[in-house]
Amino acid sequence: MNALNHSRMVPEMPTKTNKLQHFNWQTLGDEKFYHIWRTARLNVAKNSRNRVPVKVVNLLNPSESEISELFNRCESENFAFYESPESDAIPPLGQFAAAFGLRVAETHRSADGTGIVSLKVTDKAKQRGYIPYSPRGMNWHTDGYYNAPDERISAFVLHCVRPAAEGGVNQLFDPEILYIRLRDQSPDHIRALMHPEAMTIPENRESDGSLRPASVGPVFFADPDTGRLQMRYTARTRSISWRDDPATTAANACLRDCLAADDPLMLRVALKAGQGILNNNILHDRTSFTDKPDTAGRLILRVRFHNRVKRNA
């Protein structure tokens, strides 16, 4: 994992631009403001590459300094790494997330009573056939890209209980940096990807007969609570349809090229036992992995939320 050495490095900007969420994502408006924001945002991303994880002594009751550090990283970069004492026990991720204003947990068919989903190799009926519960690699996506607009995922926590013997590496990419890469190519790509019908995930009927309706929406959109950029995306090519127009086709092709380009601001992370990622639903993938025979195998815990990381009052 890249070493991470943190100090809050958000470059100073004019008063009206101090808060990144003031940028008007939807209008692509003020070019001068955008380029000030762009320079600052890229500098933050470049300066964050050598940070070490934040040490959290007690996930049930993180200290004020630990909370502040993790929040500041999520505010400036949309994600933060942490490490806690190693344990085979299921950590209190719900209580940990609550320290960051994350109290609106998704109801997931594979979650336990606290909202935690165990991502491990299994052949149980509810998980059978779904890649997260297999050792296969996963392509670029944001979590919950198939959810309805009123159930969008805005943040999640991943926590490693047991790493794989080999593989299972995540690659991470901040959607705000991808936005910059696409806009550098053409603002028309952004306009196309913000269209309310840009990407459609068809309906899906589960083995128990329940139906997940089709999900139609934009790729980039402004978070309704904070105004910050959020993203809804999957690189899958099956069970997905894109708006049938030249602008969307070109934008989707450019997006895929950007993700395949091994951008210097992408991060590769092999989580160790006790380490985790708190984030505002950033883009991520996962390499395939193998477990040693006769072992419990890789176990990653995940809990997802409908609101972004925030500082509690």
Foldseek 3Di string as FASTA:
>chain_A
DAAFQDDLQQDDDPPCPPQVLSDQLQPCDDPVSVVRSVVRLVVRLVNGRRYHAAEAAALLDGDPVSLVVQLSCCRRQFKGKYFYDADLDDHPNQNSLVQQVFNFWDDDPQADPSQKHKQEADCDQQCHPPVSNHLAWFAKWFPPLFAAPVRDFFWKKKAWNAFAPDFFKKKFDAVVVLVVVLVVVPVLLSNLQQPQQFKKQAKDAGPVGDIRHIHGGGQWDADPPRSDIDGGDGPDDPRMDGPPDPSSVVSNVSSVCVSVVPDPSMDMGRDHRRMMMIGRRTMMITHGGHHDPPDPGIIMMMITGPDGGHRDD
